[in-house]
Amino acid sequence: MKHIEEYWETLTVSANDFSYTGNFEQALSVYQEALYRAEVLNNHRSDCSEHNIPFMQLYIICCNNLSTTYIKLGKLKYAEKSIVLPVVSDERWWPR
């Protein structure tokens, strides 16, 4: 699991660099790759907990990065969906 977290970080830093230079399409693509890694981590919660991987925070960071990038690209519907839908549609996030 640690290797997935480390790859998530590498992808996120790379996407941040693309975003800082105004290459938002490339940033979006790499942020989507990072999101996939965050989803994998969220599907292995007990393993992540054993290794002190902040899986939920990584997922939320991804959603925020995607939303911000969609806003920069003028894709406001996608920006909203990248924040609202992942949380609302995933029952694991609902209070018990």
N, C-alpha and C. Protein backbone atom coordinates (compact mmCIF):
# COMPACT_ATOMS: atom_id res chain seq x y z
N MET A 1 0.81 -1.19 0.00
CA MET A 1 0.00 0.00 0.00
C MET A 1 0.87 1.27 0.00
N LYS A 2 2.00 1.21 0.69
CA LYS A 2 2.86 2.38 0.76
C LYS A 2 3.33 2.81 -0.63
N HIS A 3 3.61 1.83 -1.50
CA HIS A 3 4.07 2.18 -2.84
C HIS A 3 2.97 2.90 -3.64
N ILE A 4 1.72 2.56 -3.37
CA ILE A 4 0.62 3.25 -4.06
C ILE A 4 0.51 4.67 -3.54
N GLU A 5 0.64 4.84 -2.22
CA GLU A 5 0.61 6.19 -1.65
C GLU A 5 1.76 7.04 -2.23
N GLU A 6 2.94 6.47 -2.32
CA GLU A 6 4.08 7.21 -2.85
C GLU A 6 3.88 7.57 -4.32
N TYR A 7 3.29 6.66 -5.09
CA TYR A 7 3.02 6.96 -6.50
C TYR A 7 1.95 8.03 -6.62
N TRP A 8 0.94 7.99 -5.74
CA TRP A 8 -0.08 9.04 -5.70
C TRP A 8 0.60 10.40 -5.50
N GLU A 9 1.53 10.45 -4.55
CA GLU A 9 2.23 11.71 -4.27
C GLU A 9 3.04 12.19 -5.49
N THR A 10 3.72 11.28 -6.14
CA THR A 10 4.50 11.62 -7.33
C THR A 10 3.59 12.19 -8.42
N LEU A 11 2.46 11.53 -8.64
CA LEU A 11 1.51 12.00 -9.64
C LEU A 11 0.96 13.37 -9.28
N THR A 12 0.62 13.56 -8.02
CA THR A 12 0.04 14.83 -7.58
C THR A 12 1.04 15.97 -7.74
N VAL A 13 2.28 15.74 -7.37
CA VAL A 13 3.31 16.78 -7.53
C VAL A 13 3.49 17.11 -9.02
N SER A 14 3.51 16.10 -9.85
CA SER A 14 3.64 16.31 -11.29
C SER A 14 2.46 17.12 -11.84
N ALA A 15 1.25 16.75 -11.44
CA ALA A 15 0.07 17.47 -11.89
C ALA A 15 0.07 18.91 -11.39
N ASN A 16 0.53 19.11 -10.16
CA ASN A 16 0.64 20.46 -9.63
C ASN A 16 1.57 21.30 -10.50
N ASP A 17 2.69 20.71 -10.91
CA ASP A 17 3.63 21.42 -11.77
C ASP A 17 2.98 21.82 -13.10
N PHE A 18 2.22 20.89 -13.68
CA PHE A 18 1.51 21.22 -14.92
C PHE A 18 0.52 22.35 -14.69
N SER A 19 -0.17 22.30 -13.59
CA SER A 19 -1.16 23.33 -13.28
C SER A 19 -0.49 24.69 -13.09
N TYR A 20 0.62 24.72 -12.36
CA TYR A 20 1.33 25.98 -12.11
C TYR A 20 1.81 26.64 -13.40
N THR A 21 2.11 25.82 -14.41
CA THR A 21 2.59 26.37 -15.68
C THR A 21 1.46 26.61 -16.67
N GLY A 22 0.22 26.40 -16.23
CA GLY A 22 -0.93 26.67 -17.08
C GLY A 22 -1.32 25.55 -18.02
N ASN A 23 -0.70 24.40 -17.89
CA ASN A 23 -1.02 23.25 -18.74
C ASN A 23 -2.12 22.43 -18.05
N PHE A 24 -3.33 22.98 -18.07
CA PHE A 24 -4.43 22.41 -17.29
C PHE A 24 -4.94 21.09 -17.84
N GLU A 25 -4.90 20.90 -19.15
CA GLU A 25 -5.34 19.62 -19.72
C GLU A 25 -4.43 18.49 -19.26
N GLN A 26 -3.13 18.73 -19.27
CA GLN A 26 -2.18 17.70 -18.81
C GLN A 26 -2.33 17.50 -17.30
N ALA A 27 -2.52 18.59 -16.57
CA ALA A 27 -2.72 18.48 -15.12
C ALA A 27 -3.95 17.62 -14.83
N LEU A 28 -5.02 17.86 -15.57
CA LEU A 28 -6.25 17.10 -15.38
C LEU A 28 -6.00 15.60 -15.58
N SER A 29 -5.31 15.28 -16.64
CA SER A 29 -5.03 13.87 -16.93
C SER A 29 -4.24 13.21 -15.80
N VAL A 30 -3.25 13.90 -15.28
CA VAL A 30 -2.43 13.32 -14.22
C VAL A 30 -3.19 13.28 -12.90
N TYR A 31 -4.00 14.31 -12.63
CA TYR A 31 -4.84 14.27 -11.42
C TYR A 31 -5.81 13.09 -11.47
N GLN A 32 -6.32 12.78 -12.65
CA GLN A 32 -7.22 11.62 -12.79
C GLN A 32 -6.48 10.33 -12.48
N GLU A 33 -5.23 10.25 -12.89
CA GLU A 33 -4.41 9.07 -12.55
C GLU A 33 -4.21 8.98 -11.03
N ALA A 34 -3.99 10.12 -10.40
CA ALA A 34 -3.82 10.14 -8.94
C ALA A 34 -5.12 9.73 -8.25
N LEU A 35 -6.24 10.16 -8.79
CA LEU A 35 -7.53 9.77 -8.23
C LEU A 35 -7.70 8.26 -8.25
N TYR A 36 -7.31 7.64 -9.34
CA TYR A 36 -7.41 6.18 -9.42
C TYR A 36 -6.63 5.53 -8.27
N ARG A 37 -5.42 6.05 -7.99
CA ARG A 37 -4.62 5.49 -6.88
C ARG A 37 -5.31 5.72 -5.55
N ALA A 38 -5.92 6.90 -5.38
CA ALA A 38 -6.64 7.18 -4.14
C ALA A 38 -7.85 6.25 -3.98
N GLU A 39 -8.50 5.93 -5.09
CA GLU A 39 -9.63 4.99 -5.04
C GLU A 39 -9.16 3.60 -4.64
N VAL A 40 -8.03 3.19 -5.16
CA VAL A 40 -7.46 1.88 -4.78
C VAL A 40 -7.20 1.86 -3.28
N LEU A 41 -6.60 2.92 -2.77
CA LEU A 41 -6.32 2.98 -1.33
C LEU A 41 -7.61 2.95 -0.52
N ASN A 42 -8.64 3.65 -0.97
CA ASN A 42 -9.92 3.65 -0.26
C ASN A 42 -10.60 2.29 -0.28
N ASN A 43 -10.27 1.48 -1.25
CA ASN A 43 -10.83 0.12 -1.31
C ASN A 43 -10.05 -0.87 -0.45
N HIS A 44 -8.97 -0.40 0.18
CA HIS A 44 -8.15 -1.23 1.07
C HIS A 44 -7.92 -0.49 2.37
N ARG A 45 -9.00 -0.09 2.99
CA ARG A 45 -8.94 0.75 4.18
C ARG A 45 -8.19 0.13 5.35
N SER A 46 -8.43 -1.13 5.61
CA SER A 46 -7.78 -1.75 6.76
C SER A 46 -6.26 -1.81 6.56
N ASP A 47 -5.83 -2.15 5.34
CA ASP A 47 -4.39 -2.16 5.05
C ASP A 47 -3.80 -0.76 5.20
N CYS A 48 -4.53 0.24 4.73
CA CYS A 48 -4.05 1.63 4.85
C CYS A 48 -3.94 2.04 6.32
N SER A 49 -4.91 1.65 7.09
CA SER A 49 -4.88 1.99 8.51
C SER A 49 -3.67 1.36 9.20
N GLU A 50 -3.36 0.13 8.84
CA GLU A 50 -2.20 -0.56 9.41
C GLU A 50 -0.90 0.16 9.08
N HIS A 51 -0.85 0.81 7.92
CA HIS A 51 0.37 1.48 7.47
C HIS A 51 0.29 3.00 7.64
N ASN A 52 -0.70 3.45 8.39
CA ASN A 52 -0.88 4.88 8.66
C ASN A 52 -0.95 5.72 7.38
N ILE A 53 -1.67 5.22 6.40
CA ILE A 53 -1.87 5.96 5.15
C ILE A 53 -3.19 6.72 5.27
N PRO A 54 -3.15 8.03 5.11
CA PRO A 54 -4.37 8.84 5.25
C PRO A 54 -5.25 8.76 3.99
N PHE A 55 -5.80 7.60 3.73
CA PHE A 55 -6.51 7.31 2.49
C PHE A 55 -7.65 8.29 2.22
N MET A 56 -8.40 8.65 3.23
CA MET A 56 -9.53 9.55 3.03
C MET A 56 -9.05 10.95 2.64
N GLN A 57 -8.01 11.42 3.28
CA GLN A 57 -7.47 12.73 2.96
C GLN A 57 -6.93 12.78 1.54
N LEU A 58 -6.27 11.70 1.12
CA LEU A 58 -5.74 11.66 -0.25
C LEU A 58 -6.86 11.73 -1.26
N TYR A 59 -7.95 11.03 -0.98
CA TYR A 59 -9.10 11.05 -1.87
C TYR A 59 -9.71 12.45 -1.95
N ILE A 60 -9.85 13.10 -0.82
CA ILE A 60 -10.42 14.45 -0.78
C ILE A 60 -9.51 15.44 -1.51
N ILE A 61 -8.21 15.31 -1.34
CA ILE A 61 -7.27 16.16 -2.06
C ILE A 61 -7.45 15.99 -3.56
N CYS A 62 -7.62 14.76 -4.00
CA CYS A 62 -7.83 14.50 -5.43
C CYS A 62 -9.09 15.19 -5.94
N CYS A 63 -10.16 15.05 -5.20
CA CYS A 63 -11.42 15.68 -5.62
C CYS A 63 -11.26 17.19 -5.70
N ASN A 64 -10.58 17.77 -4.74
CA ASN A 64 -10.34 19.21 -4.74
C ASN A 64 -9.47 19.63 -5.93
N ASN A 65 -8.40 18.87 -6.18
CA ASN A 65 -7.53 19.19 -7.32
C ASN A 65 -8.27 19.10 -8.64
N LEU A 66 -9.09 18.06 -8.79
CA LEU A 66 -9.87 17.92 -10.02
C LEU A 66 -10.85 19.07 -10.17
N SER A 67 -11.54 19.41 -9.10
CA SER A 67 -12.51 20.50 -9.15
C SER A 67 -11.84 21.81 -9.54
N THR A 68 -10.73 22.12 -8.92
CA THR A 68 -10.01 23.36 -9.22
C THR A 68 -9.56 23.39 -10.68
N THR A 69 -9.08 22.27 -11.17
CA THR A 69 -8.62 22.21 -12.56
C THR A 69 -9.78 22.35 -13.53
N TYR A 70 -10.90 21.70 -13.24
CA TYR A 70 -12.07 21.87 -14.10
C TYR A 70 -12.52 23.33 -14.13
N ILE A 71 -12.46 24.01 -13.01
CA ILE A 71 -12.82 25.43 -12.97
C ILE A 71 -11.89 26.23 -13.88
N LYS A 72 -10.59 25.95 -13.81
CA LYS A 72 -9.63 26.65 -14.66
C LYS A 72 -9.87 26.38 -16.13
N LEU A 73 -10.43 25.22 -16.43
CA LEU A 73 -10.75 24.87 -17.82
C LEU A 73 -12.14 25.36 -18.23
N GLY A 74 -12.86 25.97 -17.30
CA GLY A 74 -14.20 26.47 -17.60
C GLY A 74 -15.26 25.39 -17.65
N LYS A 75 -14.99 24.24 -17.05
CA LYS A 75 -15.92 23.11 -17.05
C LYS A 75 -16.57 23.02 -15.67
N LEU A 76 -17.50 23.94 -15.41
CA LEU A 76 -18.06 24.08 -14.07
C LEU A 76 -18.91 22.89 -13.64
N LYS A 77 -19.64 22.27 -14.57
CA LYS A 77 -20.42 21.08 -14.19
C LYS A 77 -19.52 19.96 -13.69
N TYR A 78 -18.42 19.76 -14.38
CA TYR A 78 -17.47 18.73 -13.96
C TYR A 78 -16.84 19.08 -12.62
N ALA A 79 -16.58 20.37 -12.42
CA ALA A 79 -16.00 20.82 -11.15
C ALA A 79 -16.93 20.46 -9.99
N GLU A 80 -18.21 20.75 -10.17
CA GLU A 80 -19.18 20.44 -9.13
C GLU A 80 -19.28 18.94 -8.90
N LYS A 81 -19.33 18.19 -9.97
CA LYS A 81 -19.46 16.73 -9.84
C LYS A 81 -18.24 16.11 -9.16
N SER A 82 -17.09 16.67 -9.39
CA SER A 82 -15.89 16.07 -8.79
C SER A 82 -15.83 16.30 -7.29
N ILE A 83 -16.61 17.23 -6.79
CA ILE A 83 -16.67 17.46 -5.35
C ILE A 83 -17.88 16.77 -4.72
N VAL A 84 -19.05 16.92 -5.32
CA VAL A 84 -20.29 16.45 -4.71
C VAL A 84 -20.53 14.96 -4.91
N LEU A 85 -20.45 14.48 -6.12
CA LEU A 85 -20.84 13.09 -6.41
C LEU A 85 -19.99 12.03 -5.72
N PRO A 86 -18.66 12.19 -5.65
CA PRO A 86 -17.91 11.11 -5.00
C PRO A 86 -18.33 10.89 -3.55
N VAL A 87 -18.61 11.92 -2.84
CA VAL A 87 -18.98 11.79 -1.44
C VAL A 87 -20.41 11.29 -1.29
N VAL A 88 -21.32 11.86 -2.04
CA VAL A 88 -22.74 11.50 -1.91
C VAL A 88 -23.01 10.09 -2.39
N SER A 89 -22.36 9.66 -3.44
CA SER A 89 -22.68 8.36 -4.03
C SER A 89 -21.96 7.19 -3.38
N ASP A 90 -20.98 7.45 -2.57
CA ASP A 90 -20.23 6.36 -1.94
C ASP A 90 -20.73 6.16 -0.51
N GLU A 91 -21.44 5.07 -0.29
CA GLU A 91 -22.05 4.81 1.02
C GLU A 91 -21.04 4.72 2.14
N ARG A 92 -19.79 4.44 1.84
CA ARG A 92 -18.77 4.36 2.87
C ARG A 92 -18.57 5.69 3.58
N TRP A 93 -18.95 6.79 2.94
CA TRP A 93 -18.77 8.12 3.52
C TRP A 93 -19.96 8.53 4.37
N TRP A 94 -21.06 7.80 4.30
CA TRP A 94 -22.26 8.18 5.04
C TRP A 94 -22.10 7.88 6.52
N PRO A 95 -22.64 8.76 7.37
CA PRO A 95 -22.57 8.47 8.81
C PRO A 95 -23.40 7.24 9.17
N ARG A 96 -22.99 6.56 10.17
CA ARG A 96 -23.71 5.35 10.60
C ARG A 96 -24.36 5.60 11.93
